[in-house]
Structures are given as C-alpha cells and as structure tokens.
Amino acid sequence: MGNEKERLDRQFDFIREIDKEKFIGRQTYLSDGQRKENDAEHAWHMALMTILLSEYAEEKIDVLKTVTMLLIHDLVEIDAGDTYAYDEEGNKTKEKRERAAADRIYGLLPEDQGEKLRALWDEFEAWETPEAKFAHAMDNVQPLMLNAATDGKSWVEHGVCLTQVLGRNARTAEGSEGLWKYVRENFIWPNVEKGRLKK
C-alpha cells in the first residue's frame, strides 16, 4: 500500500501542477474575438481536431498517440511561458527553456509515466514520425483558423506579414497536404486580400 500511495501522490502532484496550463495565455483570440485563448483550451481544441481530421493525415497515424502528444506538448510552458510564433528574440531561447521545463514537469510523475510522456514530448519536438508531423500540422492550423475567424485580429495586432505565416508553416504539409491547401485557400489568402495579413 505504501508504494501505491507514493505513486498516487506523485501522479496527483503532476495533475495539480498541470492545472497551471490554464493560466498560460496565448496570442490567438477565441473565435468571438473577445479574449485570447489559454494553453489548455488550445490543447483541447487540437485534440478534438485530430479526432475529426485524422483522415487527412499524409500517413496513417495512431490517433490516440497523436492526441496525447498534443495534450502534453505545451505543458512545458508552465515554466517556459508561451513564446509567440513570430517572436524572434523569444524563439532564440525557447528550446533551452522548454527542455529544462520538460525535465522538471515530467519528472514529477512516477518514473515509468514520466519517461513515457517525456519521450512523447521529444518525439513531437523531433518532427520525424507521422504522429509528430500531424500534431505539428494541428498546432499550426488551429491558430490560423482562429485568426481567420476573428478577421485576422491577432495578425493585425502584431503586424504579421504573409511571409512570416508561410515561413512558420513551411512544414505543415508534411502532416497534411490536403489541410494545408484548404487553410491557404480559406484562411490565409482571404486575409491577404482584406489587408489583414501584410504582403
């Protein structure tokens, strides 16, 4: 019983800690344009998107693995903070900050679970497996969709250019060519035409 209590203590330590993800603000507005989403909302949205859109993956994916990857990949931002996609300075130190956070946060769990989640986080970061590629596609597509839904509100606020968006999405098609084509035609170009995304 002692070992079980220690295991449960560590599991609940982690579960309490990850509640802090709800406090990590992002730069993307919710679809009504009234407030910005938090990391937990972003993760939930991408998880459901994966369940619904997995049929468009370039390669067959393990949906549960991909969903799990998306639910845990931003937990490091509890320590590292959210680095805005187009923040050049912040992106210079992002990897170092996030690796240190991964060590601490996944280290809260019992060793077997901590190693499993950390390996999944590393897999996401490596961007090599079909699941990681599709997860990155979801991570890129979700904010594009919300930016389009809010008439480019966050893009306008930050003075984002088309070249920045295309650069950020240079590998999105590796996860799904079909979704990338749809996003370009329905989310990106209409905002270029409206002047929401600067050329």
Protein backbone atom coordinates (compact mmCIF):
# COMPACT_ATOMS: atom_id res chain seq x y z
CA MET A 1 0.00 0.00 0.00
CA GLY A 2 2.92 2.35 0.75
CA ASN A 3 4.21 2.13 -2.81
CA GLU A 4 0.73 2.72 -4.20
CA LYS A 5 0.30 5.83 -2.04
CA GLU A 6 3.67 7.17 -3.15
CA ARG A 7 2.75 6.55 -6.80
CA LEU A 8 -0.63 8.25 -6.39
CA ASP A 9 0.99 11.16 -4.55
CA ARG A 10 3.33 11.73 -7.49
CA GLN A 11 0.53 11.36 -10.03
CA PHE A 12 -1.62 13.90 -8.21
CA ASP A 13 1.38 16.23 -7.79
CA PHE A 14 1.66 16.22 -11.59
CA ILE A 15 -2.10 16.57 -12.10
CA ARG A 16 -2.21 19.59 -9.77
CA GLU A 17 0.83 21.11 -11.44
CA ILE A 18 -0.59 20.86 -14.96
CA ASP A 19 -3.66 22.83 -13.87
CA LYS A 20 -1.30 25.80 -14.29
CA GLU A 21 -1.53 25.32 -18.06
CA LYS A 22 -4.93 27.03 -17.82
CA PHE A 23 -3.15 30.25 -16.79
CA ILE A 24 -0.73 30.35 -19.74
CA GLY A 25 -2.09 32.93 -22.15
CA ARG A 26 -1.54 32.72 -25.88
CA GLN A 27 -1.73 35.43 -28.55
CA THR A 28 -4.59 33.84 -30.51
CA TYR A 29 -8.09 35.15 -29.90
CA LEU A 30 -11.07 32.88 -29.35
CA SER A 31 -13.50 32.79 -32.28
CA ASP A 32 -15.59 35.66 -30.90
CA GLY A 33 -12.52 37.91 -30.76
CA GLN A 34 -13.26 38.94 -27.16
CA ARG A 35 -10.34 37.33 -25.35
CA LYS A 36 -7.27 35.26 -26.08
CA GLU A 37 -7.17 31.52 -25.54
CA ASN A 38 -5.02 29.77 -22.94
CA ASP A 39 -2.78 26.75 -23.47
CA ALA A 40 -5.30 24.27 -22.07
CA GLU A 41 -8.01 25.50 -24.44
CA HIS A 42 -5.55 25.28 -27.33
CA ALA A 43 -4.64 21.68 -26.40
CA TRP A 44 -8.29 20.61 -26.06
CA HIS A 45 -9.15 22.15 -29.42
CA MET A 46 -6.27 20.41 -31.23
CA ALA A 47 -7.09 17.06 -29.61
CA LEU A 48 -10.64 17.18 -30.98
CA MET A 49 -9.39 18.43 -34.32
CA THR A 50 -7.13 15.37 -34.53
CA ILE A 51 -10.04 13.02 -33.87
CA LEU A 52 -12.08 14.73 -36.59
CA LEU A 53 -9.39 15.43 -39.19
CA SER A 54 -7.05 12.43 -38.90
CA GLU A 55 -8.42 11.09 -42.20
CA TYR A 56 -6.42 13.85 -43.94
CA ALA A 57 -3.06 12.82 -42.49
CA GLU A 58 -0.36 12.21 -45.12
CA GLU A 59 0.47 8.88 -43.48
CA LYS A 60 -1.60 6.60 -41.27
CA ILE A 61 -1.37 7.81 -37.67
CA ASP A 62 -2.11 6.41 -34.24
CA VAL A 63 -4.84 8.89 -33.27
CA LEU A 64 -4.64 8.31 -29.50
CA LYS A 65 -0.87 8.77 -29.55
CA THR A 66 -1.24 11.99 -31.55
CA VAL A 67 -3.98 13.29 -29.23
CA THR A 68 -1.82 12.51 -26.19
CA MET A 69 1.13 14.27 -27.81
CA LEU A 70 -0.99 17.39 -28.36
CA LEU A 71 -2.41 17.34 -24.84
CA ILE A 72 1.06 17.23 -23.26
CA HIS A 73 3.36 19.12 -25.62
CA ASP A 74 2.71 22.63 -24.24
CA LEU A 75 2.88 21.66 -20.55
CA VAL A 76 6.48 22.91 -20.63
CA GLU A 77 5.09 26.43 -20.99
CA ILE A 78 4.09 26.30 -17.31
CA ASP A 79 7.77 27.09 -16.67
CA ALA A 80 8.96 28.38 -20.05
CA GLY A 81 5.97 30.59 -20.87
CA ASP A 82 4.31 30.81 -24.26
CA THR A 83 6.68 32.01 -26.95
CA TYR A 84 4.70 33.78 -29.65
CA ALA A 85 5.23 32.16 -33.05
CA TYR A 86 6.62 35.40 -34.53
CA ASP A 87 8.76 36.49 -31.55
CA GLU A 88 12.27 36.27 -33.00
CA GLU A 89 14.06 37.07 -29.72
CA GLY A 90 11.97 34.68 -27.63
CA ASN A 91 12.47 31.87 -30.13
CA LYS A 92 16.26 32.09 -29.67
CA THR A 93 16.00 30.74 -26.09
CA LYS A 94 12.80 28.71 -26.45
CA GLU A 95 14.42 25.28 -26.84
CA LYS A 96 16.67 25.67 -23.79
CA ARG A 97 13.82 26.97 -21.60
CA GLU A 98 11.44 24.24 -22.70
CA ARG A 99 13.94 21.38 -22.25
CA ALA A 100 14.59 22.46 -18.65
CA ALA A 101 10.83 22.67 -18.08
CA ALA A 102 10.32 19.19 -19.55
CA ASP A 103 12.92 17.78 -17.15
CA ARG A 104 11.13 19.24 -14.15
CA ILE A 105 7.48 18.77 -15.10
CA TYR A 106 7.62 15.23 -16.49
CA GLY A 107 9.99 14.40 -13.63
CA LEU A 108 7.13 14.90 -11.17
CA LEU A 109 5.49 11.67 -12.34
CA PRO A 110 6.39 8.11 -11.35
CA GLU A 111 9.44 7.19 -13.42
CA ASP A 112 7.66 4.93 -15.93
CA GLN A 113 4.98 7.52 -16.75
CA GLY A 114 7.41 10.43 -16.69
CA GLU A 115 9.71 8.70 -19.18
CA LYS A 116 6.79 7.83 -21.46
CA LEU A 117 5.45 11.40 -21.60
CA ARG A 118 8.91 12.89 -21.94
CA ALA A 119 9.63 10.55 -24.86
CA LEU A 120 6.37 11.65 -26.48
CA TRP A 121 7.34 15.31 -26.00
CA ASP A 122 10.77 14.62 -27.52
CA GLU A 123 9.09 12.86 -30.44
CA PHE A 124 6.89 15.91 -31.06
CA GLU A 125 9.92 18.20 -30.96
CA ALA A 126 11.87 15.99 -33.40
CA TRP A 127 9.09 16.30 -36.02
CA GLU A 128 10.00 12.97 -37.70
CA THR A 129 7.18 10.46 -37.13
CA PRO A 130 3.77 10.57 -38.86
CA GLU A 131 2.18 11.42 -35.48
CA ALA A 132 4.59 14.27 -34.79
CA LYS A 133 4.11 15.69 -38.29
CA PHE A 134 0.32 15.62 -37.99
CA ALA A 135 0.47 17.06 -34.46
CA HIS A 136 2.54 19.97 -35.78
CA ALA A 137 0.03 20.45 -38.58
CA MET A 138 -2.74 20.74 -35.95
CA ASP A 139 -0.61 23.11 -33.88
CA ASN A 140 -0.23 25.34 -36.95
CA VAL A 141 -3.71 25.03 -38.42
CA GLN A 142 -5.65 25.76 -35.21
CA PRO A 143 -4.36 29.34 -34.74
CA LEU A 144 -4.70 30.02 -38.49
CA MET A 145 -8.35 29.02 -38.27
CA LEU A 146 -8.97 31.25 -35.24
CA ASN A 147 -7.15 34.17 -36.86
CA ALA A 148 -9.40 33.79 -39.90
CA ALA A 149 -12.49 33.53 -37.66
CA THR A 150 -11.58 36.84 -35.98
CA ASP A 151 -10.89 38.69 -39.22
CA GLY A 152 -7.15 38.48 -38.65
CA LYS A 153 -7.33 40.26 -35.28
CA SER A 154 -4.10 38.87 -33.81
CA TRP A 155 -2.22 39.23 -37.11
CA VAL A 156 -3.24 42.89 -37.33
CA GLU A 157 -2.39 43.48 -33.65
CA HIS A 158 1.14 42.14 -34.15
CA GLY A 159 1.69 43.44 -37.69
CA VAL A 160 2.25 39.91 -39.02
CA CYS A 161 3.29 39.52 -42.68
CA LEU A 162 2.34 36.80 -45.14
CA THR A 163 5.98 35.74 -45.39
CA GLN A 164 6.04 35.11 -41.63
CA VAL A 165 2.93 32.93 -41.80
CA LEU A 166 4.26 30.96 -44.76
CA GLY A 167 7.64 30.55 -43.06
CA ARG A 168 6.01 29.32 -39.86
CA ASN A 169 4.02 26.82 -41.93
CA ALA A 170 6.84 25.65 -44.19
CA ARG A 171 6.42 22.06 -42.98
CA THR A 172 2.66 21.95 -42.30
CA ALA A 173 2.01 19.97 -45.50
CA GLU A 174 4.25 17.17 -44.18
CA GLY A 175 1.41 16.40 -41.78
CA SER A 176 -1.38 17.01 -44.27
CA GLU A 177 -1.10 18.41 -47.78
CA GLY A 178 -4.89 18.49 -48.06
CA LEU A 179 -5.38 20.53 -44.90
CA TRP A 180 -2.57 22.91 -45.84
CA LYS A 181 -4.21 23.53 -49.24
CA TYR A 182 -7.57 24.15 -47.55
CA VAL A 183 -6.03 26.52 -44.99
CA ARG A 184 -4.18 28.54 -47.65
CA GLU A 185 -7.32 28.96 -49.73
CA ASN A 186 -9.82 29.57 -46.91
CA PHE A 187 -7.91 31.13 -44.00
CA ILE A 188 -4.76 32.79 -45.33
CA TRP A 189 -5.46 34.26 -48.79
CA PRO A 190 -8.78 35.89 -47.86
CA ASN A 191 -6.94 37.75 -45.08
CA VAL A 192 -4.22 38.82 -47.52
CA GLU A 193 -6.91 40.17 -49.85
CA LYS A 194 -8.56 42.06 -46.97
CA GLY A 195 -5.20 43.52 -45.93
CA ARG A 196 -5.24 41.73 -42.56
CA LEU A 197 -2.01 39.95 -43.45
CA LYS A 198 0.58 42.29 -44.88
CA LYS A 199 2.32 41.24 -48.10
